[in-house]
PDB file of N, CA and C in Angstrom:
ATOM      1  N   LEU A   1     180.071  17.844-117.621  1.00  0.00           N
ATOM      2  CA  LEU A   1     178.814  17.501-116.980  1.00  0.00           C
ATOM      3  C   LEU A   1     179.055  17.225-115.512  1.00  0.00           C
ATOM      4  N   GLN A   2     178.044  17.488-114.720  1.00  0.00           N
ATOM      5  CA  GLN A   2     178.158  17.259-113.286  1.00  0.00           C
ATOM      6  C   GLN A   2     176.853  16.665-112.766  1.00  0.00           C
ATOM      7  N   LEU A   3     176.964  15.594-112.006  1.00  0.00           N
ATOM      8  CA  LEU A   3     175.824  14.995-111.317  1.00  0.00           C
ATOM      9  C   LEU A   3     175.922  15.356-109.850  1.00  0.00           C
ATOM     10  N   ARG A   4     174.801  15.752-109.275  1.00  0.00           N
ATOM     11  CA  ARG A   4     174.815  16.033-107.836  1.00  0.00           C
ATOM     12  C   ARG A   4     173.423  15.840-107.265  1.00  0.00           C
ATOM     13  N   ARG A   5     173.398  15.508-105.994  1.00  0.00           N
ATOM     14  CA  ARG A   5     172.126  15.352-105.297  1.00  0.00           C
ATOM     15  C   ARG A   5     171.638  16.732-104.876  1.00  0.00           C
ATOM     16  N   VAL A   6     170.382  17.009-105.183  1.00  0.00           N
ATOM     17  CA  VAL A   6     169.786  18.298-104.832  1.00  0.00           C
ATOM     18  C   VAL A   6     168.420  18.051-104.205  1.00  0.00           C
ATOM     19  N   ARG A   7     167.933  19.059-103.525  1.00  0.00           N
ATOM     20  CA  ARG A   7     166.587  19.003-102.961  1.00  0.00           C
ATOM     21  C   ARG A   7     165.751  20.037-103.707  1.00  0.00           C
ATOM     22  N   VAL A   8     164.712  19.566-104.396  1.00  0.00           N
ATOM     23  CA  VAL A   8     163.843  20.429-105.190  1.00  0.00           C
ATOM     24  C   VAL A   8     162.405  20.180-104.760  1.00  0.00           C
ATOM     25  N   MET A   9     161.731  21.230-104.348  1.00  0.00           N
ATOM     26  CA  MET A   9     160.334  21.155-103.918  1.00  0.00           C
ATOM     27  C   MET A   9     160.113  20.046-102.882  1.00  0.00           C
ATOM     28  N   GLY A  10     161.043  19.945-101.943  1.00  0.00           N
ATOM     29  CA  GLY A  10     160.911  18.996-100.846  1.00  0.00           C
ATOM     30  C   GLY A  10     161.313  17.570-101.166  1.00  0.00           C
ATOM     31  N   ALA A  11     161.802  17.312-102.374  1.00  0.00           N
ATOM     32  CA  ALA A  11     162.185  15.950-102.759  1.00  0.00           C
ATOM     33  C   ALA A  11     163.664  15.915-103.145  1.00  0.00           C
ATOM     34  N   ASN A  12     164.338  14.833-102.744  1.00  0.00           N
ATOM     35  CA  ASN A  12     165.728  14.644-103.165  1.00  0.00           C
ATOM     36  C   ASN A  12     165.741  14.166-104.608  1.00  0.00           C
ATOM     37  N   ARG A  13     166.617  14.754-105.409  1.00  0.00           N
ATOM     38  CA  ARG A  13     166.740  14.393-106.817  1.00  0.00           C
ATOM     39  C   ARG A  13     168.209  14.339-107.194  1.00  0.00           C
ATOM     40  N   ILE A  14     168.488  13.732-108.344  1.00  0.00           N
ATOM     41  CA  ILE A  14     169.836  13.721-108.904  1.00  0.00           C
ATOM     42  C   ILE A  14     169.794  14.616-110.130  1.00  0.00           C
ATOM     43  N   GLU A  15     170.515  15.732-110.067  1.00  0.00           N
ATOM     44  CA  GLU A  15     170.493  16.715-111.148  1.00  0.00           C
ATOM     45  C   GLU A  15     171.745  16.602-112.007  1.00  0.00           C
ATOM     46  N   LEU A  16     171.551  16.701-113.309  1.00  0.00           N
ATOM     47  CA  LEU A  16     172.657  16.764-114.254  1.00  0.00           C
ATOM     48  C   LEU A  16     172.783  18.205-114.713  1.00  0.00           C
ATOM     49  N   SER A  17     173.946  18.787-114.530  1.00  0.00           N
ATOM     50  CA  SER A  17     174.167  20.169-114.972  1.00  0.00           C
ATOM     51  C   SER A  17     175.365  20.204-115.908  1.00  0.00           C
ATOM     52  N   GLY A  18     175.507  21.317-116.608  1.00  0.00           N
ATOM     53  CA  GLY A  18     176.626  21.487-117.518  1.00  0.00           C
ATOM     54  C   GLY A  18     176.366  20.979-118.923  1.00  0.00           C
ATOM     55  N   PHE A  19     175.137  20.609-119.236  1.00  0.00           N
ATOM     56  CA  PHE A  19     174.803  20.121-120.573  1.00  0.00           C
ATOM     57  C   PHE A  19     174.566  21.307-121.509  1.00  0.00           C
ATOM     58  N   THR A  20     174.704  21.046-122.793  1.00  0.00           N
ATOM     59  CA  THR A  20     174.451  22.072-123.805  1.00  0.00           C
ATOM     60  C   THR A  20     173.091  21.819-124.446  1.00  0.00           C
ATOM     61  N   ASP A  21     172.612  22.783-125.209  1.00  0.00           N
ATOM     62  CA  ASP A  21     171.329  22.620-125.894  1.00  0.00           C
ATOM     63  C   ASP A  21     171.357  21.443-126.860  1.00  0.00           C
ATOM     64  N   THR A  22     172.493  21.210-127.494  1.00  0.00           N
ATOM     65  CA  THR A  22     172.583  20.098-128.443  1.00  0.00           C
ATOM     66  C   THR A  22     172.570  18.741-127.740  1.00  0.00           C
ATOM     67  N   MET A  23     172.945  18.689-126.488  1.00  0.00           N
ATOM     68  CA  MET A  23     172.946  17.444-125.721  1.00  0.00           C
ATOM     69  C   MET A  23     171.570  17.118-125.150  1.00  0.00           C
ATOM     70  N   ARG A  24     170.701  18.104-125.038  1.00  0.00           N
ATOM     71  CA  ARG A  24     169.425  17.937-124.346  1.00  0.00           C
ATOM     72  C   ARG A  24     168.571  16.823-124.952  1.00  0.00           C
ATOM     73  N   GLU A  25     168.475  16.787-126.270  1.00  0.00           N
ATOM     74  CA  GLU A  25     167.649  15.770-126.921  1.00  0.00           C
ATOM     75  C   GLU A  25     168.178  14.365-126.648  1.00  0.00           C
ATOM     76  N   ARG A  26     169.501  14.194-126.726  1.00  0.00           N
ATOM     77  CA  ARG A  26     170.100  12.884-126.466  1.00  0.00           C
ATOM     78  C   ARG A  26     169.863  12.469-125.009  1.00  0.00           C
ATOM     79  N   LEU A  27     170.045  13.400-124.082  1.00  0.00           N
ATOM     80  CA  LEU A  27     169.855  13.083-122.665  1.00  0.00           C
ATOM     81  C   LEU A  27     168.399  12.731-122.371  1.00  0.00           C
ATOM     82  N   THR A  28     167.469  13.403-123.025  1.00  0.00           N
ATOM     83  CA  THR A  28     166.054  13.067-122.866  1.00  0.00           C
ATOM     84  C   THR A  28     165.791  11.665-123.410  1.00  0.00           C
ATOM     85  N   ALA A  29     166.409  11.316-124.536  1.00  0.00           N
ATOM     86  CA  ALA A  29     166.256   9.974-125.103  1.00  0.00           C
ATOM     87  C   ALA A  29     166.825   8.914-124.165  1.00  0.00           C
ATOM     88  N   TYR A  30     167.857   9.256-123.404  1.00  0.00           N
ATOM     89  CA  TYR A  30     168.419   8.327-122.422  1.00  0.00           C
ATOM     90  C   TYR A  30     167.480   8.105-121.245  1.00  0.00           C
ATOM     91  N   GLY A  31     166.508   9.009-121.046  1.00  0.00           N
ATOM     92  CA  GLY A  31     165.548   8.839-119.969  1.00  0.00           C
ATOM     93  C   GLY A  31     165.548   9.937-118.927  1.00  0.00           C
ATOM     94  N   LEU A  32     166.438  10.914-119.046  1.00  0.00           N
ATOM     95  CA  LEU A  32     166.395  12.034-118.106  1.00  0.00           C
ATOM     96  C   LEU A  32     165.148  12.863-118.390  1.00  0.00           C
ATOM     97  N   PHE A  33     164.630  13.511-117.370  1.00  0.00           N
ATOM     98  CA  PHE A  33     163.499  14.407-117.582  1.00  0.00           C
ATOM     99  C   PHE A  33     163.936  15.816-117.225  1.00  0.00           C
ATOM    100  N   HIS A  34     163.234  16.786-117.790  1.00  0.00           N
ATOM    101  CA  HIS A  34     163.617  18.169-117.538  1.00  0.00           C
ATOM    102  C   HIS A  34     162.431  18.968-117.030  1.00  0.00           C
ATOM    103  N   GLU A  35     162.761  19.994-116.276  1.00  0.00           N
ATOM    104  CA  GLU A  35     161.777  20.930-115.745  1.00  0.00           C
ATOM    105  C   GLU A  35     162.363  22.330-115.857  1.00  0.00           C
ATOM    106  N   ILE A  36     161.494  23.295-116.011  1.00  0.00           N
ATOM    107  CA  ILE A  36     161.922  24.686-115.979  1.00  0.00           C
ATOM    108  C   ILE A  36     161.589  25.210-114.590  1.00  0.00           C
ATOM    109  N   ILE A  37     162.626  25.563-113.848  1.00  0.00           N
ATOM    110  CA  ILE A  37     162.478  26.050-112.479  1.00  0.00           C
ATOM    111  C   ILE A  37     163.150  27.416-112.419  1.00  0.00           C
ATOM    112  N   SER A  38     162.390  28.422-112.019  1.00  0.00           N
ATOM    113  CA  SER A  38     162.893  29.806-111.986  1.00  0.00           C
ATOM    114  C   SER A  38     163.477  30.210-113.340  1.00  0.00           C
ATOM    115  N   TRP A  39     162.767  29.907-114.404  1.00  0.00           N
ATOM    116  CA  TRP A  39     163.128  30.254-115.779  1.00  0.00           C
ATOM    117  C   TRP A  39     164.435  29.615-116.232  1.00  0.00           C
ATOM    118  N   LYS A  40     164.842  28.513-115.600  1.00  0.00           N
ATOM    119  CA  LYS A  40     166.067  27.816-115.985  1.00  0.00           C
ATOM    120  C   LYS A  40     165.738  26.348-116.237  1.00  0.00           C
ATOM    121  N   LEU A  41     166.216  25.810-117.366  1.00  0.00           N
ATOM    122  CA  LEU A  41     166.008  24.404-117.687  1.00  0.00           C
ATOM    123  C   LEU A  41     166.948  23.552-116.840  1.00  0.00           C
ATOM    124  N   ARG A  42     166.371  22.593-116.135  1.00  0.00           N
ATOM    125  CA  ARG A  42     167.166  21.686-115.301  1.00  0.00           C
ATOM    126  C   ARG A  42     166.816  20.257-115.679  1.00  0.00           C
ATOM    127  N   MET A  43     167.823  19.368-115.680  1.00  0.00           N
ATOM    128  CA  MET A  43     167.608  17.963-116.038  1.00  0.00           C
ATOM    129  C   MET A  43     167.901  17.077-114.837  1.00  0.00           C
ATOM    130  N   PHE A  44     167.071  16.019-114.724  1.00  0.00           N
ATOM    131  CA  PHE A  44     167.154  15.134-113.571  1.00  0.00           C
ATOM    132  C   PHE A  44     167.128  13.673-114.003  1.00  0.00           C
ATOM    133  N   VAL A  45     167.818  12.832-113.231  1.00  0.00           N
ATOM    134  CA  VAL A  45     167.754  11.384-113.383  1.00  0.00           C
ATOM    135  C   VAL A  45     166.519  10.927-112.611  1.00  0.00           C
ATOM    136  N   PRO A  46     165.700  10.050-113.196  1.00  0.00           N
ATOM    137  CA  PRO A  46     164.537   9.564-112.447  1.00  0.00           C
ATOM    138  C   PRO A  46     164.976   8.866-111.154  1.00  0.00           C
ATOM    139  N   THR A  47     164.190   9.014-110.111  1.00  0.00           N
ATOM    140  CA  THR A  47     164.525   8.371-108.836  1.00  0.00           C
ATOM    141  C   THR A  47     163.692   7.117-108.609  1.00  0.00           C
ATOM    142  N   ASP A  48     162.971   6.674-109.641  1.00  0.00           N
ATOM    143  CA  ASP A  48     162.199   5.440-109.520  1.00  0.00           C
ATOM    144  C   ASP A  48     163.050   4.263-110.009  1.00  0.00           C
ATOM    145  N   SER A  49     162.422   3.152-110.326  1.00  0.00           N
ATOM    146  CA  SER A  49     163.158   1.952-110.729  1.00  0.00           C
ATOM    147  C   SER A  49     163.900   2.119-112.054  1.00  0.00           C
ATOM    148  N   ALA A  50     163.530   3.105-112.873  1.00  0.00           N
ATOM    149  CA  ALA A  50     164.216   3.346-114.149  1.00  0.00           C
ATOM    150  C   ALA A  50     165.539   4.087-113.960  1.00  0.00           C
ATOM    151  N   GLY A  51     165.738   4.701-112.810  1.00  0.00           N
ATOM    152  CA  GLY A  51     166.914   5.528-112.565  1.00  0.00           C
ATOM    153  C   GLY A  51     168.254   4.860-112.809  1.00  0.00           C
ATOM    154  N   PRO A  52     168.501   3.660-112.273  1.00  0.00           N
ATOM    155  CA  PRO A  52     169.814   3.032-112.495  1.00  0.00           C
ATOM    156  C   PRO A  52     170.133   2.792-113.972  1.00  0.00           C
ATOM    157  N   ALA A  53     169.139   2.394-114.763  1.00  0.00           N
ATOM    158  CA  ALA A  53     169.375   2.161-116.193  1.00  0.00           C
ATOM    159  C   ALA A  53     169.676   3.475-116.913  1.00  0.00           C
ATOM    160  N   VAL A  54     168.980   4.536-116.541  1.00  0.00           N
ATOM    161  CA  VAL A  54     169.219   5.854-117.137  1.00  0.00           C
ATOM    162  C   VAL A  54     170.625   6.323-116.787  1.00  0.00           C
ATOM    163  N   LEU A  55     170.997   6.179-115.532  1.00  0.00           N
ATOM    164  CA  LEU A  55     172.330   6.584-115.084  1.00  0.00           C
ATOM    165  C   LEU A  55     173.416   5.778-115.800  1.00  0.00           C
ATOM    166  N   GLU A  56     173.168   4.492-116.015  1.00  0.00           N
ATOM    167  CA  GLU A  56     174.125   3.649-116.730  1.00  0.00           C
ATOM    168  C   GLU A  56     174.321   4.140-118.166  1.00  0.00           C
ATOM    169  N   ARG A  57     173.242   4.526-118.849  1.00  0.00           N
ATOM    170  CA  ARG A  57     173.351   5.051-120.213  1.00  0.00           C
ATOM    171  C   ARG A  57     174.151   6.355-120.248  1.00  0.00           C
ATOM    172  N   VAL A  58     173.867   7.238-119.306  1.00  0.00           N
ATOM    173  CA  VAL A  58     174.567   8.526-119.266  1.00  0.00           C
ATOM    174  C   VAL A  58     176.058   8.310-119.001  1.00  0.00           C
ATOM    175  N   LEU A  59     176.377   7.472-118.014  1.00  0.00           N
ATOM    176  CA  LEU A  59     177.782   7.236-117.677  1.00  0.00           C
ATOM    177  C   LEU A  59     178.507   6.444-118.759  1.00  0.00           C
ATOM    178  N   GLY A  60     177.764   5.640-119.526  1.00  0.00           N
ATOM    179  CA  GLY A  60     178.368   4.928-120.654  1.00  0.00           C
ATOM    180  C   GLY A  60     178.808   5.885-121.749  1.00  0.00           C
ATOM    181  N   ARG A  61     178.036   6.920-121.960  1.00  0.00           N
ATOM    182  CA  ARG A  61     178.341   7.916-123.003  1.00  0.00           C
ATOM    183  C   ARG A  61     179.304   8.989-122.499  1.00  0.00           C
ATOM    184  N   TYR A  62     179.146   9.377-121.249  1.00  0.00           N
ATOM    185  CA  TYR A  62     179.968  10.437-120.644  1.00  0.00           C
ATOM    186  C   TYR A  62     180.614   9.876-119.374  1.00  0.00           C
ATOM    187  N   PRO A  63     181.746   9.158-119.495  1.00  0.00           N
ATOM    188  CA  PRO A  63     182.363   8.508-118.331  1.00  0.00           C
ATOM    189  C   PRO A  63     182.800   9.505-117.254  1.00  0.00           C
ATOM    190  N   VAL A  64     182.877   9.004-116.029  1.00  0.00           N
ATOM    191  CA  VAL A  64     183.317   9.816-114.890  1.00  0.00           C
ATOM    192  C   VAL A  64     184.767  10.223-115.111  1.00  0.00           C
ATOM    193  N   GLN A  65     185.048  11.508-114.947  1.00  0.00           N
ATOM    194  CA  GLN A  65     186.415  12.004-115.085  1.00  0.00           C
ATOM    195  C   GLN A  65     187.032  12.325-113.736  1.00  0.00           C
ATOM    196  N   ARG A  66     186.206  12.722-112.794  1.00  0.00           N
ATOM    197  CA  ARG A  66     186.714  12.959-111.439  1.00  0.00           C
ATOM    198  C   ARG A  66     185.537  12.985-110.475  1.00  0.00           C
ATOM    199  N   ILE A  67     185.852  12.759-109.216  1.00  0.00           N
ATOM    200  CA  ILE A  67     184.859  12.830-108.149  1.00  0.00           C
ATOM    201  C   ILE A  67     185.296  13.943-107.219  1.00  0.00           C
ATOM    202  N   GLY A  68     184.440  14.940-107.061  1.00  0.00           N
ATOM    203  CA  GLY A  68     184.772  16.104-106.240  1.00  0.00           C
ATOM    204  C   GLY A  68     184.256  15.958-104.823  1.00  0.00           C
ATOM    205  N   GLU A  69     184.753  16.811-103.975  1.00  0.00           N
ATOM    206  CA  GLU A  69     184.308  16.855-102.586  1.00  0.00           C
ATOM    207  C   GLU A  69     182.899  17.417-102.510  1.00  0.00           C
ATOM    208  N   ARG A  70     182.185  17.039-101.480  1.00  0.00           N
ATOM    209  CA  ARG A  70     180.848  17.596-101.255  1.00  0.00           C
ATOM    210  C   ARG A  70     180.976  19.051-100.855  1.00  0.00           C
ATOM    211  N   GLU A  71     180.034  19.845-101.323  1.00  0.00           N
ATOM    212  CA  GLU A  71     180.015  21.255-100.960  1.00  0.00           C
ATOM    213  C   GLU A  71     179.172  21.441 -99.713  1.00  0.00           C
ATOM    214  N   ALA A  72     179.569  22.373 -98.870  1.00  0.00           N
ATOM    215  CA  ALA A  72     178.789  22.669 -97.667  1.00  0.00           C
ATOM    216  C   ALA A  72     177.481  23.340 -98.062  1.00  0.00           C
ATOM    217  N   ALA A  73     176.438  23.029 -97.320  1.00  0.00           N
ATOM    218  CA  ALA A  73     175.117  23.600 -97.626  1.00  0.00           C
ATOM    219  C   ALA A  73     175.031  25.043 -97.210  1.00  0.00           C
TER     220      ALA A  73
END
């Protein structure tokens, strides 16, 4: 799994990528929301006050394994 900051439709979001279809239901139960953008399912951490709790649940289940360098835009 990979978390990264992205800009979607003019708004900054935190996107979770690398999930499988079997993980989708669990991640939705944790509080992530999904959208279909350009015929691709994408999952995001809420950026409102619920976001930190959602992120804590995700990281509790899937701990950080490494932190990568930022990619150039």
